């Protein structure tokens, strides 16, 4: 997939990986709709990209917002070629996470992908082309110490991207899944008042597992993978070795993760 001349939507585009993806796409010749729950941040990113980008604020998991975003893209630039389901939420903890927070994390980290694909994939099948990129996490291949809703929903987003690739790959619909470890964003390093013991454990687990990359580094790797139409996008190559070790001896991997968790708790 050559992104030059393509029309893309990036959710969670007001900063972090999403903002970096929007910049990288425009630099590569694409037109981008930047969408984020934070209206000023989305507008700031779009404004910085000139006439190649526009912004719209809203909830990435809302069918109404997804439809409005697609219609804006069509009005300003033409039919949507690519959708980057990048919006994500890292809130939550252990078994005491309440039902309302579970619903929120499920909506943002999983159902937003399903709803966007439901809106776009039928059109892509008719046209014979389209590209869906899900931002999951290495937690979706491994796990996330300190945060069960995040771990579970990221596993699910990997599973959905796999299904999309298998089911509609022969229809011309491409699907990739981004699974980084540590990236220097507010999700990893939130404002101080938002940090609780579960968040501290999650942050420590990620930061000690490997290098923390910049968002621009991740965006460049994503565009390289899209050019190759590669499904699994691993900014941290060591994740593949960890994933292989997990599959080769699941029980040994679980024991190792429990030891790792104990070491983090000191």
Protein backbone atom coordinates (compact mmCIF):
# COMPACT_ATOMS: atom_id res chain seq x y z
CA UNK A 1 0.00 0.00 0.00
CA UNK A 2 1.40 3.35 -1.08
CA UNK A 3 -0.18 5.94 1.20
CA UNK A 4 0.51 8.85 -1.18
CA UNK A 5 -2.80 10.23 -2.40
CA UNK A 6 -4.81 8.11 0.02
CA UNK A 7 -7.49 9.40 2.41
CA UNK A 8 -7.01 8.30 6.02
CA UNK A 9 -8.84 8.66 9.31
CA UNK A 10 -6.80 8.58 12.53
CA UNK A 11 -8.63 8.21 15.84
CA UNK A 12 -6.95 9.39 19.01
CA UNK A 13 -5.18 11.77 16.67
CA UNK A 14 -4.92 14.69 19.07
CA UNK A 15 -1.55 13.53 20.37
CA UNK A 16 0.58 10.50 21.15
CA UNK A 17 0.85 7.80 18.51
CA UNK A 18 -2.22 9.15 16.70
CA UNK A 19 -0.77 12.62 16.29
CA UNK A 20 2.50 11.15 15.06
CA UNK A 21 0.65 8.92 12.60
CA UNK A 22 -1.26 11.90 11.23
CA UNK A 23 1.99 13.79 10.67
CA UNK A 24 3.73 10.82 9.07
CA UNK A 25 0.79 10.17 6.75
CA UNK A 26 0.65 13.76 5.55
CA UNK A 27 4.42 13.82 5.04
CA UNK A 28 4.00 10.70 2.89
CA UNK A 29 1.37 12.42 0.74
CA UNK A 30 -1.92 11.33 2.35
CA UNK A 31 -4.95 13.39 3.32
CA UNK A 32 -5.99 12.91 6.93
CA UNK A 33 -9.02 13.41 9.14
CA UNK A 34 -7.81 13.78 12.72
CA UNK A 35 -10.38 12.79 15.31
CA UNK A 36 -10.11 12.85 19.08
CA UNK A 37 -12.31 13.29 22.14
CA UNK A 38 -10.19 16.36 22.94
CA UNK A 39 -11.36 18.92 20.38
CA UNK A 40 -8.58 21.53 20.85
CA UNK A 41 -5.85 18.88 20.57
CA UNK A 42 -7.35 17.41 17.39
CA UNK A 43 -7.66 20.87 15.86
CA UNK A 44 -4.11 21.77 16.82
CA UNK A 45 -2.71 18.69 15.09
CA UNK A 46 -4.82 19.28 11.98
CA UNK A 47 -3.88 22.96 11.84
CA UNK A 48 -0.19 22.04 11.99
CA UNK A 49 -0.64 19.88 8.87
CA UNK A 50 -2.16 22.56 6.67
CA UNK A 51 -4.64 21.82 3.91
CA UNK A 52 -3.89 18.09 4.02
CA UNK A 53 -5.77 17.58 7.29
CA UNK A 54 -9.04 18.47 8.99
CA UNK A 55 -10.25 17.78 12.51
CA UNK A 56 -13.43 16.52 14.10
CA UNK A 57 -14.04 15.91 17.80
CA UNK A 58 -15.97 13.00 19.23
CA UNK A 59 -16.08 9.55 20.76
CA UNK A 60 -14.30 7.00 18.56
CA UNK A 61 -16.63 4.26 19.82
CA UNK A 62 -19.82 6.07 18.75
CA UNK A 63 -21.50 4.89 15.55
CA UNK A 64 -22.77 8.43 15.00
CA UNK A 65 -19.30 9.92 15.34
CA UNK A 66 -17.73 7.29 13.10
CA UNK A 67 -20.31 8.05 10.41
CA UNK A 68 -19.79 11.81 10.78
CA UNK A 69 -16.02 11.35 10.47
CA UNK A 70 -16.36 9.25 7.31
CA UNK A 71 -18.73 11.80 5.79
CA UNK A 72 -16.32 14.64 6.60
CA UNK A 73 -13.47 12.75 4.93
CA UNK A 74 -15.59 12.17 1.83
CA UNK A 75 -16.63 15.82 1.69
CA UNK A 76 -13.13 17.24 2.12
CA UNK A 77 -10.91 14.67 0.39
CA UNK A 78 -12.87 11.77 -1.14
CA UNK A 79 -13.62 8.15 -0.21
CA UNK A 80 -11.79 6.76 2.82
CA UNK A 81 -8.93 4.41 1.93
CA UNK A 82 -7.41 3.83 5.37
CA UNK A 83 -8.65 3.78 8.95
CA UNK A 84 -6.26 3.90 11.90
CA UNK A 85 -8.21 2.71 14.96
CA UNK A 86 -5.75 4.22 17.38
CA UNK A 87 -7.85 5.68 20.22
CA UNK A 88 -7.22 3.79 23.43
CA UNK A 89 -7.72 3.96 27.17
CA UNK A 90 -5.52 2.50 29.90
CA UNK A 91 -7.74 3.01 32.92
CA UNK A 92 -8.59 0.13 35.22
CA UNK A 93 -6.89 -2.17 37.68
CA UNK A 94 -7.68 -5.57 39.13
CA UNK A 95 -10.85 -7.47 39.91
CA UNK A 96 -12.19 -4.44 41.76
CA UNK A 97 -12.55 -2.53 38.48
CA UNK A 98 -16.23 -1.59 38.33
CA UNK A 99 -18.65 -2.48 35.56
CA UNK A 100 -18.95 1.04 34.19
CA UNK A 101 -15.19 1.26 33.67
CA UNK A 102 -15.13 -2.18 32.04
CA UNK A 103 -17.81 -0.96 29.62
CA UNK A 104 -15.82 2.18 28.83
CA UNK A 105 -12.58 0.31 28.17
CA UNK A 106 -14.36 -2.32 26.07
CA UNK A 107 -16.02 0.43 24.01
CA UNK A 108 -12.85 2.41 23.34
CA UNK A 109 -10.31 -0.40 22.97
CA UNK A 110 -12.45 -2.93 21.09
CA UNK A 111 -15.94 -1.96 20.02
CA UNK A 112 -14.68 1.21 18.34
CA UNK A 113 -12.69 -1.02 15.97
CA UNK A 114 -15.66 -3.28 15.28
CA UNK A 115 -18.01 -0.37 14.63
CA UNK A 116 -15.58 1.42 12.32
CA UNK A 117 -14.99 -1.76 10.33
CA UNK A 118 -18.74 -2.37 10.11
CA UNK A 119 -19.09 1.11 8.60
CA UNK A 120 -16.22 0.92 6.11
CA UNK A 121 -15.48 -2.67 5.13
CA UNK A 122 -18.60 -3.24 2.97
CA UNK A 123 -17.63 -0.20 0.87
CA UNK A 124 -14.04 -1.39 0.64
CA UNK A 125 -15.18 -4.81 -0.55
CA UNK A 126 -17.17 -3.14 -3.33
CA UNK A 127 -14.13 -1.07 -4.33
CA UNK A 128 -11.71 -3.99 -3.91
CA UNK A 129 -9.37 -2.09 -1.61
CA UNK A 130 -9.08 -0.62 1.86
CA UNK A 131 -6.75 -0.73 4.85
CA UNK A 132 -7.63 -1.06 8.55
CA UNK A 133 -4.88 -0.60 11.14
CA UNK A 134 -5.70 -1.48 14.76
CA UNK A 135 -3.57 -0.11 17.55
CA UNK A 136 -3.45 -2.85 20.14
CA UNK A 137 -0.41 -3.40 22.37
CA UNK A 138 2.22 -5.96 23.24
CA UNK A 139 -0.22 -6.60 26.10
CA UNK A 140 -2.54 -8.09 23.48
CA UNK A 141 0.05 -10.74 22.67
CA UNK A 142 1.47 -11.17 26.15
CA UNK A 143 -0.38 -9.57 29.09
CA UNK A 144 -0.43 -6.41 31.17
CA UNK A 145 0.59 -6.63 34.80
CA UNK A 146 -1.51 -4.25 36.90
CA UNK A 147 -4.45 -3.76 34.55
CA UNK A 148 -6.92 -6.49 33.64
CA UNK A 149 -9.34 -4.44 31.45
CA UNK A 150 -6.43 -3.17 29.35
CA UNK A 151 -4.94 -6.65 28.96
CA UNK A 152 -8.23 -8.30 28.06
CA UNK A 153 -9.37 -5.63 25.57
CA UNK A 154 -5.99 -5.50 23.85
CA UNK A 155 -6.09 -9.29 23.41
CA UNK A 156 -9.53 -8.83 21.91
CA UNK A 157 -8.40 -6.10 19.51
CA UNK A 158 -5.62 -8.37 18.23
CA UNK A 159 -8.21 -11.11 17.74
CA UNK A 160 -10.52 -8.79 15.82
CA UNK A 161 -7.71 -7.62 13.52
CA UNK A 162 -6.77 -11.25 12.85
CA UNK A 163 -10.37 -12.08 12.00
CA UNK A 164 -10.65 -9.08 9.69
CA UNK A 165 -7.47 -10.02 7.86
CA UNK A 166 -8.50 -13.65 7.42
CA UNK A 167 -12.14 -13.03 6.54
CA UNK A 168 -11.73 -10.15 4.11
CA UNK A 169 -8.11 -10.30 2.97
CA UNK A 170 -9.15 -11.95 -0.27
CA UNK A 171 -11.68 -9.14 -0.83
CA UNK A 172 -8.90 -6.56 -1.08
CA UNK A 173 -9.26 -5.41 2.52
CA UNK A 174 -5.92 -5.23 4.32
CA UNK A 175 -5.66 -5.32 8.12
CA UNK A 176 -2.63 -4.77 10.32
CA UNK A 177 -2.22 -4.73 14.09
CA UNK A 178 0.20 -2.47 15.97
CA UNK A 179 1.55 -4.05 19.17
CA UNK A 180 4.18 -1.84 20.84
CA UNK A 181 5.51 -2.04 24.38
CA UNK A 182 6.57 1.25 25.94
CA UNK A 183 5.81 4.44 24.00
CA UNK A 184 6.25 7.90 25.52
CA UNK A 185 2.59 8.92 25.70
CA UNK A 186 0.11 10.00 28.35
CA UNK A 187 -1.29 6.47 28.39
CA UNK A 188 2.03 5.20 29.78
CA UNK A 189 2.85 8.34 31.76
CA UNK A 190 -0.42 10.03 32.78
CA UNK A 191 -0.76 13.18 34.84
CA UNK A 192 0.40 12.68 38.43
CA UNK A 193 -3.09 12.95 39.93
CA UNK A 194 -4.28 10.02 37.78
CA UNK A 195 -1.63 7.59 39.04
CA UNK A 196 -2.78 4.92 41.49
CA UNK A 197 -0.92 1.79 42.71
CA UNK A 198 -2.22 -0.27 39.76
CA UNK A 199 -1.09 2.42 37.31
CA UNK A 200 2.32 2.58 39.00
CA UNK A 201 2.71 -1.19 38.66
CA UNK A 202 1.63 -1.10 35.02
CA UNK A 203 4.05 1.73 34.25
CA UNK A 204 6.95 0.02 36.02
CA UNK A 205 6.24 -3.26 34.19
CA UNK A 206 6.31 -1.55 30.79
CA UNK A 207 9.31 0.67 31.42
CA UNK A 208 11.47 -2.18 32.72
CA UNK A 209 10.52 -4.58 29.92
CA UNK A 210 12.24 -2.66 27.11
CA UNK A 211 13.04 0.71 25.59
CA UNK A 212 10.42 3.45 25.65
CA UNK A 213 10.11 4.71 22.06
CA UNK A 214 9.04 8.10 20.81
CA UNK A 215 5.74 8.40 18.98
CA UNK A 216 7.54 9.47 15.80
CA UNK A 217 9.64 6.31 15.88
CA UNK A 218 6.49 4.21 16.16
CA UNK A 219 4.72 6.09 13.34
CA UNK A 220 7.64 5.53 10.98
CA UNK A 221 7.59 1.80 11.72
CA UNK A 222 3.83 1.68 11.11
CA UNK A 223 4.15 3.25 7.68
CA UNK A 224 6.95 0.84 6.75
CA UNK A 225 4.74 -2.09 7.74
CA UNK A 226 1.77 -0.70 5.81
CA UNK A 227 3.94 -0.34 2.71
CA UNK A 228 4.76 -4.05 3.04
CA UNK A 229 1.16 -4.92 4.04
CA UNK A 230 2.57 -6.73 7.07
CA UNK A 231 -0.04 -7.83 9.62
CA UNK A 232 1.89 -7.75 12.89
CA UNK A 233 3.62 -4.42 13.54
CA UNK A 234 6.19 -4.75 16.33
CA UNK A 235 8.12 -1.57 17.11
CA UNK A 236 9.86 -3.62 19.83
CA UNK A 237 11.20 -6.68 17.97
CA UNK A 238 11.85 -8.52 21.24
CA UNK A 239 8.10 -8.91 21.67
CA UNK A 240 8.19 -11.61 18.99
CA UNK A 241 10.69 -13.63 21.03
CA UNK A 242 8.54 -13.21 24.15
CA UNK A 243 5.47 -14.32 22.20
CA UNK A 244 7.29 -17.39 20.90
CA UNK A 245 8.42 -18.29 24.42
CA UNK A 246 4.86 -17.94 25.65
CA UNK A 247 3.51 -20.27 22.97
CA UNK A 248 6.34 -22.79 23.31
CA UNK A 249 5.76 -23.40 27.03
CA UNK A 250 2.74 -21.56 28.39
CA UNK A 251 3.08 -22.80 31.97
CA UNK A 252 6.75 -21.84 32.14
CA UNK A 253 5.86 -18.40 30.77
CA UNK A 254 3.13 -17.94 33.40
CA UNK A 255 5.55 -18.88 36.19
CA UNK A 256 8.06 -16.40 34.80
CA UNK A 257 5.45 -13.64 34.69
CA UNK A 258 4.49 -14.29 38.29
CA UNK A 259 8.16 -13.99 39.29
CA UNK A 260 8.42 -10.77 37.29
CA UNK A 261 5.32 -9.38 39.00
CA UNK A 262 6.77 -10.20 42.45
CA UNK A 263 10.00 -8.43 41.53
CA UNK A 264 8.10 -5.31 40.48
CA UNK A 265 6.23 -5.22 43.79
CA UNK A 266 9.55 -5.44 45.60
